[in-house]
Amino acid sequence: MAEFIRASPSPAKHPGTQNATPAVTPAISFRNVSKRYPGGYEALTSISFDIAPGELVFISGHSGAGKSTLLKLVPAIERASAGAVLIN
């Protein structure tokens, strides 16, 4: 299974706020996304995550973990078999 590693700076805290983090609309959102290829090979199974605008994310995993498939779903080079891929 592919791993996601977030490497984003922490949001700036303004004086007088109680750790308030404003709601941010994700730039990329995966909701229970699965991808099954002909022949029954399931590259991704129920993947869910959000990536905020400006957030830096690394994807790592062994050969066949689904990294390339996941990246092909973002620009719609591939289509998900189930779930939703939302691009802001």
N, C-alpha and C. Protein backbone atom coordinates (compact mmCIF):
# COMPACT_ATOMS: atom_id res chain seq x y z
N MET A 1 0.84 -1.17 0.00
CA MET A 1 0.00 0.00 0.00
C MET A 1 0.89 1.24 0.00
N ALA A 2 0.52 2.24 -0.78
CA ALA A 2 1.27 3.49 -0.83
C ALA A 2 1.08 4.27 0.46
N GLU A 3 2.11 5.03 0.84
CA GLU A 3 2.04 5.87 2.03
C GLU A 3 2.04 7.33 1.60
N PHE A 4 1.35 8.17 2.36
CA PHE A 4 1.33 9.60 2.14
C PHE A 4 2.07 10.27 3.28
N ILE A 5 3.03 11.11 2.94
CA ILE A 5 3.80 11.82 3.95
C ILE A 5 3.58 13.31 3.73
N ARG A 6 3.04 13.97 4.73
CA ARG A 6 2.77 15.41 4.63
C ARG A 6 3.99 16.18 5.12
N ALA A 7 4.36 17.19 4.34
CA ALA A 7 5.52 17.99 4.68
C ALA A 7 5.19 19.47 4.58
N SER A 8 4.05 19.85 5.13
CA SER A 8 3.60 21.23 5.05
C SER A 8 3.98 21.99 6.30
N PRO A 9 4.28 23.27 6.14
CA PRO A 9 4.52 24.08 7.33
C PRO A 9 3.23 24.24 8.12
N SER A 10 3.36 24.41 9.42
CA SER A 10 2.18 24.64 10.26
C SER A 10 1.56 25.98 9.93
N PRO A 11 0.22 26.08 9.99
CA PRO A 11 -0.41 27.37 9.73
C PRO A 11 0.03 28.39 10.77
N ALA A 12 0.21 29.62 10.33
CA ALA A 12 0.63 30.68 11.25
C ALA A 12 -0.46 30.96 12.27
N LYS A 13 -0.08 31.10 13.52
CA LYS A 13 -1.02 31.41 14.59
C LYS A 13 -1.02 32.93 14.79
N HIS A 14 -2.18 33.50 14.87
CA HIS A 14 -2.30 34.93 15.09
C HIS A 14 -2.47 35.19 16.58
N PRO A 15 -1.86 36.28 17.07
CA PRO A 15 -2.02 36.59 18.49
C PRO A 15 -3.50 36.69 18.87
N GLY A 16 -3.84 36.13 20.01
CA GLY A 16 -5.21 36.23 20.50
C GLY A 16 -6.13 35.13 20.02
N THR A 17 -5.63 34.22 19.19
CA THR A 17 -6.49 33.12 18.74
C THR A 17 -6.21 31.89 19.59
N GLN A 18 -7.20 31.07 19.74
CA GLN A 18 -7.11 29.84 20.52
C GLN A 18 -6.88 28.66 19.57
N ASN A 19 -5.70 28.59 18.97
CA ASN A 19 -5.38 27.53 18.02
C ASN A 19 -6.43 27.42 16.91
N ALA A 20 -6.98 28.54 16.52
CA ALA A 20 -8.01 28.55 15.49
C ALA A 20 -7.37 28.29 14.13
N THR A 21 -7.92 27.33 13.41
CA THR A 21 -7.48 27.04 12.07
C THR A 21 -8.67 27.28 11.15
N PRO A 22 -8.53 28.22 10.20
CA PRO A 22 -9.66 28.50 9.33
C PRO A 22 -9.96 27.30 8.44
N ALA A 23 -11.24 27.13 8.11
CA ALA A 23 -11.64 26.05 7.22
C ALA A 23 -11.06 26.31 5.83
N VAL A 24 -10.42 25.31 5.26
CA VAL A 24 -9.80 25.43 3.95
C VAL A 24 -10.43 24.40 3.03
N THR A 25 -10.84 24.82 1.85
CA THR A 25 -11.36 23.90 0.86
C THR A 25 -10.18 23.14 0.26
N PRO A 26 -10.21 21.81 0.30
CA PRO A 26 -9.09 21.03 -0.23
C PRO A 26 -8.87 21.30 -1.72
N ALA A 27 -7.61 21.30 -2.14
CA ALA A 27 -7.29 21.42 -3.56
C ALA A 27 -7.55 20.09 -4.25
N ILE A 28 -7.26 18.98 -3.55
CA ILE A 28 -7.50 17.63 -4.05
C ILE A 28 -8.14 16.83 -2.94
N SER A 29 -9.20 16.13 -3.27
CA SER A 29 -9.90 15.32 -2.28
C SER A 29 -10.26 13.97 -2.88
N PHE A 30 -9.86 12.89 -2.22
CA PHE A 30 -10.23 11.53 -2.61
C PHE A 30 -11.20 11.01 -1.56
N ARG A 31 -12.33 10.47 -1.98
CA ARG A 31 -13.35 9.93 -1.07
C ARG A 31 -13.65 8.49 -1.43
N ASN A 32 -13.15 7.56 -0.61
CA ASN A 32 -13.38 6.13 -0.80
C ASN A 32 -13.10 5.68 -2.24
N VAL A 33 -11.97 6.11 -2.77
CA VAL A 33 -11.60 5.82 -4.16
C VAL A 33 -11.00 4.42 -4.27
N SER A 34 -11.50 3.67 -5.23
CA SER A 34 -10.95 2.36 -5.57
C SER A 34 -10.71 2.32 -7.06
N LYS A 35 -9.69 1.56 -7.46
CA LYS A 35 -9.40 1.36 -8.88
C LYS A 35 -9.11 -0.11 -9.11
N ARG A 36 -9.93 -0.73 -9.95
CA ARG A 36 -9.76 -2.13 -10.31
C ARG A 36 -9.53 -2.19 -11.82
N TYR A 37 -8.47 -2.90 -12.20
CA TYR A 37 -8.14 -3.07 -13.61
C TYR A 37 -8.78 -4.35 -14.15
N PRO A 38 -8.93 -4.44 -15.49
CA PRO A 38 -9.43 -5.68 -16.08
C PRO A 38 -8.56 -6.86 -15.63
N GLY A 39 -9.17 -7.95 -15.36
CA GLY A 39 -8.46 -9.11 -14.86
C GLY A 39 -8.54 -9.22 -13.35
N GLY A 40 -9.15 -8.19 -12.71
CA GLY A 40 -9.39 -8.25 -11.28
C GLY A 40 -8.33 -7.63 -10.39
N TYR A 41 -7.21 -7.10 -10.96
CA TYR A 41 -6.17 -6.50 -10.13
C TYR A 41 -6.70 -5.20 -9.51
N GLU A 42 -6.70 -5.12 -8.19
CA GLU A 42 -7.18 -3.93 -7.50
C GLU A 42 -5.98 -3.11 -7.04
N ALA A 43 -5.74 -1.98 -7.73
CA ALA A 43 -4.59 -1.13 -7.45
C ALA A 43 -4.81 -0.26 -6.22
N LEU A 44 -6.03 0.22 -6.01
CA LEU A 44 -6.37 1.07 -4.86
C LEU A 44 -7.69 0.58 -4.27
N THR A 45 -7.78 0.60 -2.96
CA THR A 45 -9.00 0.15 -2.28
C THR A 45 -9.41 1.17 -1.23
N SER A 46 -10.53 1.83 -1.43
CA SER A 46 -11.13 2.78 -0.47
C SER A 46 -10.13 3.78 0.10
N ILE A 47 -9.48 4.55 -0.79
CA ILE A 47 -8.51 5.57 -0.38
C ILE A 47 -9.26 6.89 -0.16
N SER A 48 -9.02 7.52 1.00
CA SER A 48 -9.61 8.83 1.31
C SER A 48 -8.54 9.74 1.89
N PHE A 49 -8.45 10.95 1.37
CA PHE A 49 -7.55 11.96 1.91
C PHE A 49 -7.87 13.31 1.30
N ASP A 50 -7.39 14.38 1.92
CA ASP A 50 -7.50 15.75 1.42
C ASP A 50 -6.11 16.34 1.34
N ILE A 51 -5.86 17.15 0.32
CA ILE A 51 -4.63 17.91 0.22
C ILE A 51 -5.03 19.38 0.11
N ALA A 52 -4.57 20.19 1.06
CA ALA A 52 -4.90 21.61 1.09
C ALA A 52 -4.08 22.38 0.04
N PRO A 53 -4.57 23.53 -0.40
CA PRO A 53 -3.79 24.34 -1.34
C PRO A 53 -2.43 24.69 -0.72
N GLY A 54 -1.38 24.49 -1.49
CA GLY A 54 -0.03 24.80 -1.02
C GLY A 54 0.61 23.71 -0.18
N GLU A 55 -0.13 22.67 0.15
CA GLU A 55 0.41 21.59 0.97
C GLU A 55 1.33 20.72 0.11
N LEU A 56 2.42 20.27 0.69
CA LEU A 56 3.38 19.43 0.01
C LEU A 56 3.23 18.01 0.54
N VAL A 57 2.99 17.05 -0.36
CA VAL A 57 2.74 15.67 0.02
C VAL A 57 3.65 14.75 -0.79
N PHE A 58 4.25 13.78 -0.14
CA PHE A 58 5.08 12.77 -0.80
C PHE A 58 4.31 11.46 -0.81
N ILE A 59 4.45 10.69 -1.88
CA ILE A 59 3.82 9.38 -1.98
C ILE A 59 4.94 8.36 -2.09
N SER A 60 4.92 7.38 -1.21
CA SER A 60 5.94 6.34 -1.27
C SER A 60 5.29 4.98 -1.13
N GLY A 61 5.98 3.96 -1.59
CA GLY A 61 5.47 2.60 -1.48
C GLY A 61 6.24 1.68 -2.39
N HIS A 62 6.07 0.39 -2.18
CA HIS A 62 6.77 -0.60 -2.99
C HIS A 62 6.20 -0.65 -4.40
N SER A 63 6.90 -1.34 -5.28
CA SER A 63 6.44 -1.53 -6.65
C SER A 63 5.07 -2.21 -6.63
N GLY A 64 4.11 -1.64 -7.34
CA GLY A 64 2.77 -2.22 -7.40
C GLY A 64 1.84 -1.75 -6.30
N ALA A 65 2.28 -0.77 -5.49
CA ALA A 65 1.46 -0.29 -4.38
C ALA A 65 0.32 0.62 -4.82
N GLY A 66 0.37 1.16 -6.04
CA GLY A 66 -0.70 2.03 -6.52
C GLY A 66 -0.32 3.50 -6.64
N LYS A 67 0.97 3.82 -6.52
CA LYS A 67 1.40 5.22 -6.58
C LYS A 67 1.08 5.86 -7.93
N SER A 68 1.47 5.21 -9.00
CA SER A 68 1.23 5.76 -10.34
C SER A 68 -0.26 5.82 -10.66
N THR A 69 -1.00 4.81 -10.25
CA THR A 69 -2.45 4.81 -10.46
C THR A 69 -3.07 6.00 -9.76
N LEU A 70 -2.68 6.24 -8.51
CA LEU A 70 -3.22 7.37 -7.75
C LEU A 70 -2.94 8.69 -8.49
N LEU A 71 -1.71 8.86 -8.96
CA LEU A 71 -1.35 10.09 -9.67
C LEU A 71 -2.10 10.24 -10.98
N LYS A 72 -2.40 9.15 -11.66
CA LYS A 72 -3.16 9.21 -12.92
C LYS A 72 -4.63 9.55 -12.69
N LEU A 73 -5.14 9.34 -11.50
CA LEU A 73 -6.53 9.68 -11.20
C LEU A 73 -6.73 11.19 -11.06
N VAL A 74 -5.70 11.91 -10.63
CA VAL A 74 -5.84 13.36 -10.41
C VAL A 74 -6.15 14.10 -11.71
N PRO A 75 -5.39 13.91 -12.80
CA PRO A 75 -5.72 14.62 -14.05
C PRO A 75 -6.71 13.84 -14.94
N ALA A 76 -7.32 12.78 -14.41
CA ALA A 76 -8.31 11.96 -15.11
C ALA A 76 -7.71 11.22 -16.30
N ILE A 77 -6.42 10.85 -16.22
CA ILE A 77 -5.83 9.96 -17.21
C ILE A 77 -6.45 8.58 -17.03
N GLU A 78 -6.70 8.22 -15.78
CA GLU A 78 -7.44 7.00 -15.41
C GLU A 78 -8.72 7.44 -14.70
N ARG A 79 -9.73 6.60 -14.71
CA ARG A 79 -10.98 6.85 -13.99
C ARG A 79 -11.09 5.90 -12.82
N ALA A 80 -11.59 6.38 -11.71
CA ALA A 80 -11.79 5.54 -10.53
C ALA A 80 -12.91 4.54 -10.81
N SER A 81 -12.76 3.33 -10.29
CA SER A 81 -13.83 2.32 -10.39
C SER A 81 -14.94 2.60 -9.41
N ALA A 82 -14.58 3.22 -8.27
CA ALA A 82 -15.57 3.57 -7.25
C ALA A 82 -15.04 4.80 -6.49
N GLY A 83 -15.94 5.52 -5.86
CA GLY A 83 -15.58 6.69 -5.08
C GLY A 83 -15.54 7.96 -5.91
N ALA A 84 -15.00 9.02 -5.31
CA ALA A 84 -14.98 10.34 -5.95
C ALA A 84 -13.62 10.99 -5.81
N VAL A 85 -13.12 11.54 -6.92
CA VAL A 85 -11.90 12.34 -6.94
C VAL A 85 -12.36 13.76 -7.24
N LEU A 86 -12.14 14.67 -6.28
CA LEU A 86 -12.59 16.06 -6.42
C LEU A 86 -11.38 16.98 -6.51
N ILE A 87 -11.34 17.80 -7.55
CA ILE A 87 -10.27 18.77 -7.75
C ILE A 87 -10.89 20.15 -7.67
N ASN A 88 -10.34 20.99 -6.78
CA ASN A 88 -10.91 22.33 -6.55
C ASN A 88 -10.84 23.15 -7.81
